[in-house]
Amino acid sequence: MKKITIIIILYFIFFPSLAAADLIHGLIAVEKSHEEKEKNVQPNNSNQTAVVKISCDDETKSTTINIPGEYRLTMSEEGSCTLTLSYRQQTMRSPVISTDQPMRFDFAILKKEDGTYSIEQR
């Protein structure tokens, strides 16, 4: 039993990036516009996909999700990062933080009056 423990400790000493891997995850949904709220209409999101990309210094990871949907990306670098969302041919950004603990960041996609989109952290 001691041998296994020593081997695991040595493994993480020689490969520290594996020990520091952390999860950034969350939900991305579309919020109703003011007009949709007044008319009690659901936003049209059927079969919509989005690309979620997280960039931390030299590391970038991405995934494709359905909207609304959840994203999960494991980053090995800690610090300030940027989440980039590509949705309906538009790109939106928001800061996120990567730590040695799992971090959850939920976002809402907001449609502006001019037809463009933005994201807001929830």
C-alpha atoms as a PDB file:
ATOM      1  CA  MET A   1       0.000   0.000   0.000  1.00  0.00           C
ATOM      2  CA  LYS A   2       2.863   2.374   0.775  1.00  0.00           C
ATOM      3  CA  LYS A   3       4.409   1.688  -2.632  1.00  0.00           C
ATOM      4  CA  ILE A   4       1.240   2.750  -4.423  1.00  0.00           C
ATOM      5  CA  THR A   5       0.978   5.950  -2.388  1.00  0.00           C
ATOM      6  CA  ILE A   6       4.615   6.812  -3.078  1.00  0.00           C
ATOM      7  CA  ILE A   7       4.176   6.122  -6.801  1.00  0.00           C
ATOM      8  CA  ILE A   8       1.119   8.392  -6.967  1.00  0.00           C
ATOM      9  CA  ILE A   9       2.913  11.195  -5.115  1.00  0.00           C
ATOM     10  CA  LEU A  10       5.958  10.909  -7.395  1.00  0.00           C
ATOM     11  CA  TYR A  11       3.701  10.876 -10.448  1.00  0.00           C
ATOM     12  CA  PHE A  12       2.182  14.231  -9.488  1.00  0.00           C
ATOM     13  CA  ILE A  13       5.607  15.662  -8.596  1.00  0.00           C
ATOM     14  CA  PHE A  14       6.950  14.856 -12.064  1.00  0.00           C
ATOM     15  CA  PHE A  15       3.688  15.750 -13.856  1.00  0.00           C
ATOM     16  CA  PRO A  16       2.273  18.693 -11.836  1.00  0.00           C
ATOM     17  CA  SER A  17      -0.014  19.854 -14.656  1.00  0.00           C
ATOM     18  CA  LEU A  18      -2.101  16.717 -14.149  1.00  0.00           C
ATOM     19  CA  ALA A  19      -2.554  17.506 -10.469  1.00  0.00           C
ATOM     20  CA  ALA A  20      -3.649  21.091 -11.175  1.00  0.00           C
ATOM     21  CA  ALA A  21      -6.330  20.231 -13.732  1.00  0.00           C
ATOM     22  CA  ASP A  22      -9.577  21.951 -12.906  1.00  0.00           C
ATOM     23  CA  LEU A  23     -13.062  21.973 -14.341  1.00  0.00           C
ATOM     24  CA  ILE A  24     -14.892  25.038 -15.617  1.00  0.00           C
ATOM     25  CA  HIS A  25     -18.534  24.275 -16.296  1.00  0.00           C
ATOM     26  CA  GLY A  26     -21.969  25.831 -16.380  1.00  0.00           C
ATOM     27  CA  LEU A  27     -25.262  26.356 -18.160  1.00  0.00           C
ATOM     28  CA  ILE A  28     -25.875  28.660 -21.099  1.00  0.00           C
ATOM     29  CA  ALA A  29     -29.491  29.626 -21.776  1.00  0.00           C
ATOM     30  CA  VAL A  30     -31.322  32.259 -23.811  1.00  0.00           C
ATOM     31  CA  GLU A  31     -33.240  34.904 -21.916  1.00  0.00           C
ATOM     32  CA  LYS A  32     -36.511  36.185 -23.352  1.00  0.00           C
ATOM     33  CA  SER A  33     -36.451  39.660 -24.853  1.00  0.00           C
ATOM     34  CA  HIS A  34     -38.671  42.374 -23.377  1.00  0.00           C
ATOM     35  CA  GLU A  35     -41.265  41.857 -26.152  1.00  0.00           C
ATOM     36  CA  GLU A  36     -41.246  38.076 -25.662  1.00  0.00           C
ATOM     37  CA  LYS A  37     -41.808  38.552 -21.925  1.00  0.00           C
ATOM     38  CA  GLU A  38     -44.788  40.840 -22.531  1.00  0.00           C
ATOM     39  CA  LYS A  39     -46.360  38.453 -25.048  1.00  0.00           C
ATOM     40  CA  ASN A  40     -45.303  35.355 -23.059  1.00  0.00           C
ATOM     41  CA  VAL A  41     -43.574  33.933 -26.149  1.00  0.00           C
ATOM     42  CA  GLN A  42     -40.743  31.388 -25.939  1.00  0.00           C
ATOM     43  CA  PRO A  43     -37.567  32.391 -27.815  1.00  0.00           C
ATOM     44  CA  ASN A  44     -36.906  30.322 -30.933  1.00  0.00           C
ATOM     45  CA  ASN A  45     -33.856  28.226 -30.006  1.00  0.00           C
ATOM     46  CA  SER A  46     -34.703  24.931 -31.666  1.00  0.00           C
ATOM     47  CA  ASN A  47     -31.680  23.094 -33.059  1.00  0.00           C
ATOM     48  CA  GLN A  48     -29.306  25.944 -32.215  1.00  0.00           C
ATOM     49  CA  THR A  49     -25.706  25.108 -31.417  1.00  0.00           C
ATOM     50  CA  ALA A  50     -22.930  27.230 -30.002  1.00  0.00           C
ATOM     51  CA  VAL A  51     -19.179  26.884 -29.634  1.00  0.00           C
ATOM     52  CA  VAL A  52     -17.795  27.571 -26.160  1.00  0.00           C
ATOM     53  CA  LYS A  53     -14.078  28.318 -26.002  1.00  0.00           C
ATOM     54  CA  ILE A  54     -12.043  29.066 -22.872  1.00  0.00           C
ATOM     55  CA  SER A  55      -8.607  30.661 -23.209  1.00  0.00           C
ATOM     56  CA  CYS A  56      -6.135  30.904 -20.328  1.00  0.00           C
ATOM     57  CA  ASP A  57      -2.739  32.334 -21.328  1.00  0.00           C
ATOM     58  CA  ASP A  58      -1.237  29.630 -23.602  1.00  0.00           C
ATOM     59  CA  GLU A  59      -4.068  27.101 -23.225  1.00  0.00           C
ATOM     60  CA  THR A  60      -7.312  27.078 -25.226  1.00  0.00           C
ATOM     61  CA  LYS A  61     -10.035  24.450 -25.131  1.00  0.00           C
ATOM     62  CA  SER A  62     -13.417  24.377 -26.865  1.00  0.00           C
ATOM     63  CA  THR A  63     -16.604  22.371 -27.112  1.00  0.00           C
ATOM     64  CA  THR A  64     -19.845  22.515 -29.083  1.00  0.00           C
ATOM     65  CA  ILE A  65     -23.146  22.525 -27.188  1.00  0.00           C
ATOM     66  CA  ASN A  66     -26.858  22.768 -27.907  1.00  0.00           C
ATOM     67  CA  ILE A  67     -28.604  25.893 -26.655  1.00  0.00           C
ATOM     68  CA  PRO A  68     -29.803  25.826 -23.933  1.00  0.00           C
ATOM     69  CA  GLY A  69     -27.125  23.481 -22.695  1.00  0.00           C
ATOM     70  CA  GLU A  70     -24.235  22.749 -20.392  1.00  0.00           C
ATOM     71  CA  TYR A  71     -20.528  23.049 -21.120  1.00  0.00           C
ATOM     72  CA  ARG A  72     -17.625  21.309 -19.332  1.00  0.00           C
ATOM     73  CA  LEU A  73     -13.968  22.041 -20.023  1.00  0.00           C
ATOM     74  CA  THR A  74     -10.965  20.948 -17.952  1.00  0.00           C
ATOM     75  CA  MET A  75      -8.163  23.510 -17.872  1.00  0.00           C
ATOM     76  CA  SER A  76      -4.658  22.863 -16.584  1.00  0.00           C
ATOM     77  CA  GLU A  77      -3.708  26.538 -16.125  1.00  0.00           C
ATOM     78  CA  GLU A  78      -4.918  28.690 -13.251  1.00  0.00           C
ATOM     79  CA  GLY A  79      -5.727  32.385 -13.378  1.00  0.00           C
ATOM     80  CA  SER A  80      -7.818  34.815 -15.381  1.00  0.00           C
ATOM     81  CA  CYS A  81      -9.354  33.344 -18.516  1.00  0.00           C
ATOM     82  CA  THR A  82     -11.801  34.377 -21.205  1.00  0.00           C
ATOM     83  CA  LEU A  83     -14.907  32.438 -22.205  1.00  0.00           C
ATOM     84  CA  THR A  84     -15.822  33.049 -25.841  1.00  0.00           C
ATOM     85  CA  LEU A  85     -19.257  32.036 -27.099  1.00  0.00           C
ATOM     86  CA  SER A  86     -19.985  31.789 -30.827  1.00  0.00           C
ATOM     87  CA  TYR A  87     -23.766  31.758 -31.335  1.00  0.00           C
ATOM     88  CA  ARG A  88     -25.812  32.589 -34.452  1.00  0.00           C
ATOM     89  CA  GLN A  89     -22.733  33.913 -36.276  1.00  0.00           C
ATOM     90  CA  GLN A  90     -21.879  36.311 -33.452  1.00  0.00           C
ATOM     91  CA  THR A  91     -19.070  36.155 -30.913  1.00  0.00           C
ATOM     92  CA  MET A  92     -19.426  37.191 -27.276  1.00  0.00           C
ATOM     93  CA  ARG A  93     -16.848  37.181 -24.466  1.00  0.00           C
ATOM     94  CA  SER A  94     -16.855  37.119 -20.682  1.00  0.00           C
ATOM     95  CA  PRO A  95     -14.089  36.788 -18.098  1.00  0.00           C
ATOM     96  CA  VAL A  96     -13.909  33.582 -16.041  1.00  0.00           C
ATOM     97  CA  ILE A  97     -11.442  32.332 -13.446  1.00  0.00           C
ATOM     98  CA  SER A  98      -9.630  29.013 -13.413  1.00  0.00           C
ATOM     99  CA  THR A  99      -8.570  27.665 -10.010  1.00  0.00           C
ATOM    100  CA  ASP A 100      -7.505  24.340  -8.548  1.00  0.00           C
ATOM    101  CA  GLN A 101     -11.186  23.748  -7.668  1.00  0.00           C
ATOM    102  CA  PRO A 102     -14.117  23.214 -10.064  1.00  0.00           C
ATOM    103  CA  MET A 103     -15.729  26.544 -11.003  1.00  0.00           C
ATOM    104  CA  ARG A 104     -19.295  27.048 -12.230  1.00  0.00           C
ATOM    105  CA  PHE A 105     -20.220  29.959 -14.484  1.00  0.00           C
ATOM    106  CA  ASP A 106     -23.801  30.158 -15.775  1.00  0.00           C
ATOM    107  CA  PHE A 107     -24.641  32.577 -18.590  1.00  0.00           C
ATOM    108  CA  ALA A 108     -27.719  34.000 -20.276  1.00  0.00           C
ATOM    109  CA  ILE A 109     -27.700  35.037 -23.923  1.00  0.00           C
ATOM    110  CA  LEU A 110     -29.513  38.349 -24.295  1.00  0.00           C
ATOM    111  CA  LYS A 111     -30.908  39.638 -27.585  1.00  0.00           C
ATOM    112  CA  LYS A 112     -30.537  43.394 -27.919  1.00  0.00           C
ATOM    113  CA  GLU A 113     -33.003  45.655 -29.719  1.00  0.00           C
ATOM    114  CA  ASP A 114     -30.616  45.996 -32.672  1.00  0.00           C
ATOM    115  CA  GLY A 115     -30.680  42.193 -33.195  1.00  0.00           C
ATOM    116  CA  THR A 116     -27.217  41.491 -31.798  1.00  0.00           C
ATOM    117  CA  TYR A 117     -26.536  39.220 -28.840  1.00  0.00           C
ATOM    118  CA  SER A 118     -24.584  39.582 -25.622  1.00  0.00           C
ATOM    119  CA  ILE A 119     -23.928  37.272 -22.673  1.00  0.00           C
ATOM    120  CA  GLU A 120     -24.427  38.012 -19.038  1.00  0.00           C
ATOM    121  CA  GLN A 121     -23.177  35.929 -16.141  1.00  0.00           C
ATOM    122  CA  ARG A 122     -25.920  34.601 -13.837  1.00  0.00           C
END
